[in-house]
Structure formats: structure tokens, C-alpha cells
Amino acid sequence: MEIDFDGAQICLVPYLDFDSFAEAKAELGHQLYTLRFYDAEQLCSTILADFTERTVRVCNEDVALIKTAFGKNEMPSWADFERFLEERCVPRSRAGLREYLEAIGVSEYDPMAIIRKTKGRMAEDQQWLEVEAMP
């Protein structure tokens, strides 16, 4: 079971595994993105993000937990997902942020837009993201 809060009420709903979640949300016509998280060329985690309901599922590969998107957290919340995206972006407080965003062609600080441009690459590691909108 999973707790769902829609802003007005709390509901208990059945927990859907990764594939069932993808199928159910696609049937509802939700705005879905698949994010594949790599360390160098090794796939570590596949994330399915539902931007309509602001829910997420993750499927980790058989790699060290430190290399996965959410570590030992196998049921990340939307807030966990948003933190993960921001960790793969330039900090909001960076000096010269406006110029940086202009240089990569992003009009405002939007982690998904930044990651689509930069693949979430950071100078300190070899991890990166591949983003795909689902039809």
C-alpha cells in the first residue's frame, strides 16, 4: 500500500511496481518521463516520473548503492526526486547563474530543463542522465 495526498484528502492506494506504474499512468495520458541514470557507461537506475500526479518509481540495476539515483531508498517521494534533480544541476545560489542559464538556452531555473541540456553532468563525478519523454 501507498499513501497518496491530493491536497485535500489522504488515500491508501495499492503500490504499483515499476512496469505496472508505467502502464497505468500511460493509459491515463499522464505526462511521463523516463530518466536513465548512468555512471560512465553503466546504467545504474531507471526512473519513471509522472509529472501529472507528481509521483515517481525507480528500478535500480545490480550496482553499488552509492551509484544509484536514490541510494537505499527504493520508494522515493516526489520531494526526493526534486532534490535528486537539483543535485545534478548548478546550484540556485551560484554567482552568474543568469548568464549560465542564457548560455545553455534555458530561460529560468528549471532542473528538468537544465538536465535536458546538460545531461546532469557534474565536474566531480562521471554520472549523467538520459531523459526521454514517454508518448
Protein backbone atom coordinates (compact mmCIF):
# COMPACT_ATOMS: atom_id res chain seq x y z
CA MET A 1 0.00 0.00 0.00
CA GLU A 2 0.99 3.58 -0.56
CA ILE A 3 -0.28 6.82 0.96
CA ASP A 4 -1.46 9.42 -1.56
CA PHE A 5 -2.30 13.02 -0.66
CA ASP A 6 -4.04 15.10 -3.36
CA GLY A 7 -4.02 18.36 -1.39
CA ALA A 8 -7.43 17.76 0.15
CA GLN A 9 -7.52 14.17 1.32
CA ILE A 10 -5.25 11.25 2.18
CA CYS A 11 -5.92 7.96 0.41
CA LEU A 12 -4.40 4.49 0.67
CA VAL A 13 -3.77 3.08 -2.78
CA PRO A 14 -2.18 -0.17 -3.94
CA TYR A 15 1.55 0.11 -4.61
CA LEU A 16 2.29 -0.50 -8.28
CA ASP A 17 5.64 -1.96 -9.31
CA PHE A 18 7.68 -0.14 -11.95
CA ASP A 19 6.13 -1.75 -15.05
CA SER A 20 2.54 -1.62 -13.72
CA PHE A 21 3.06 2.02 -12.72
CA ALA A 22 4.30 2.89 -16.24
CA GLU A 23 1.39 1.11 -17.90
CA ALA A 24 -1.29 2.59 -15.60
CA LYS A 25 -0.02 6.17 -15.90
CA ALA A 26 0.39 5.92 -19.68
CA GLU A 27 -3.20 4.68 -20.01
CA LEU A 28 -4.35 7.75 -18.07
CA GLY A 29 -2.47 10.01 -20.50
CA HIS A 30 -0.16 11.43 -17.85
CA GLN A 31 2.96 13.44 -18.65
CA LEU A 32 5.68 10.81 -18.13
CA TYR A 33 9.45 10.96 -18.40
CA THR A 34 11.94 8.14 -18.22
CA LEU A 35 15.31 9.15 -16.80
CA ARG A 36 18.21 6.72 -17.07
CA PHE A 37 20.98 7.41 -14.56
CA TYR A 38 24.46 6.27 -15.60
CA ASP A 39 27.88 6.07 -14.00
CA ALA A 40 30.20 6.45 -17.00
CA GLU A 41 28.61 3.94 -19.43
CA GLN A 42 26.96 1.72 -16.80
CA LEU A 43 23.21 2.09 -16.29
CA CYS A 44 22.58 2.34 -12.54
CA SER A 45 18.93 3.41 -12.16
CA THR A 46 15.89 3.92 -14.34
CA ILE A 47 13.44 6.49 -13.02
CA LEU A 48 9.88 6.92 -14.21
CA ALA A 49 8.48 10.34 -13.25
CA ASP A 50 4.79 11.18 -13.54
CA PHE A 51 4.65 14.98 -13.78
CA THR A 52 0.84 14.92 -13.77
CA GLU A 53 0.42 13.30 -10.34
CA ARG A 54 3.94 14.12 -9.14
CA THR A 55 4.82 10.51 -8.39
CA VAL A 56 7.91 8.50 -9.18
CA ARG A 57 9.16 4.91 -9.41
CA VAL A 58 12.74 3.71 -9.61
CA CYS A 59 14.30 0.47 -10.81
CA ASN A 60 17.92 0.00 -9.75
CA GLU A 61 20.42 -2.19 -11.53
CA ASP A 62 22.70 -4.57 -9.63
CA VAL A 63 25.32 -1.94 -8.76
CA ALA A 64 26.71 -0.41 -5.57
CA LEU A 65 24.03 1.62 -3.77
CA ILE A 66 26.25 4.71 -3.89
CA LYS A 67 25.88 4.69 -7.69
CA THR A 68 22.08 4.55 -7.74
CA ALA A 69 19.88 7.62 -8.01
CA PHE A 70 18.33 7.36 -4.54
CA GLY A 71 20.74 5.07 -2.69
CA LYS A 72 18.90 2.59 -0.47
CA ASN A 73 15.58 4.43 -0.91
CA GLU A 74 13.60 2.17 -3.24
CA MET A 75 10.36 4.17 -2.86
CA PRO A 76 11.37 7.81 -3.41
CA SER A 77 8.84 10.59 -2.98
CA TRP A 78 8.36 13.46 -5.40
CA ALA A 79 10.37 15.65 -3.00
CA ASP A 80 13.22 13.08 -3.16
CA PHE A 81 13.04 13.23 -6.95
CA GLU A 82 13.15 17.04 -6.99
CA ARG A 83 16.18 17.02 -4.65
CA PHE A 84 17.90 14.48 -6.90
CA LEU A 85 17.34 16.68 -9.97
CA GLU A 86 18.69 19.76 -8.19
CA GLU A 87 21.78 17.81 -7.08
CA ARG A 88 22.53 17.18 -10.78
CA CYS A 89 22.29 20.91 -11.62
CA VAL A 90 24.27 24.04 -10.98
CA PRO A 91 23.26 25.45 -7.55
CA ARG A 92 20.48 28.06 -7.48
CA SER A 93 22.78 30.35 -5.48
CA ARG A 94 25.67 30.25 -7.96
CA ALA A 95 27.14 33.62 -8.92
CA GLY A 96 26.46 34.31 -12.60
CA LEU A 97 23.51 31.93 -12.69
CA ARG A 98 21.51 34.08 -15.14
CA GLU A 99 24.42 34.13 -17.60
CA TYR A 100 24.89 30.37 -17.24
CA LEU A 101 21.21 29.72 -17.97
CA GLU A 102 21.33 32.00 -21.01
CA ALA A 103 24.45 30.22 -22.27
CA ILE A 104 22.74 26.81 -22.18
CA GLY A 105 19.47 28.19 -23.58
CA VAL A 106 17.24 27.88 -20.51
CA SER A 107 15.06 30.87 -19.57
CA GLU A 108 14.65 30.13 -15.84
CA TYR A 109 15.97 27.82 -13.14
CA ASP A 110 14.12 24.60 -14.02
CA PRO A 111 16.09 21.46 -13.07
CA MET A 112 14.44 19.27 -15.75
CA ALA A 113 15.17 21.83 -18.47
CA ILE A 114 18.75 22.19 -17.25
CA ILE A 115 19.26 18.42 -17.16
CA ARG A 116 17.82 18.04 -20.66
CA LYS A 117 20.53 20.47 -21.83
CA THR A 118 23.47 19.30 -19.67
CA LYS A 119 22.53 15.63 -19.09
CA GLY A 120 23.05 16.35 -15.41
CA ARG A 121 26.81 16.11 -15.78
CA MET A 122 28.85 17.44 -12.87
CA ALA A 123 32.59 18.12 -12.74
CA GLU A 124 33.10 15.97 -9.66
CA ASP A 125 31.80 12.61 -10.96
CA GLN A 126 31.13 10.52 -14.07
CA GLN A 127 27.38 10.25 -13.54
CA TRP A 128 24.87 11.59 -16.04
CA LEU A 129 21.23 11.31 -17.11
CA GLU A 130 19.41 10.47 -20.29
CA VAL A 131 15.88 11.93 -20.39
CA GLU A 132 13.09 10.64 -22.61
CA ALA A 133 9.51 11.88 -22.74
CA MET A 134 7.08 8.98 -22.98
CA PRO A 135 4.27 9.18 -25.51
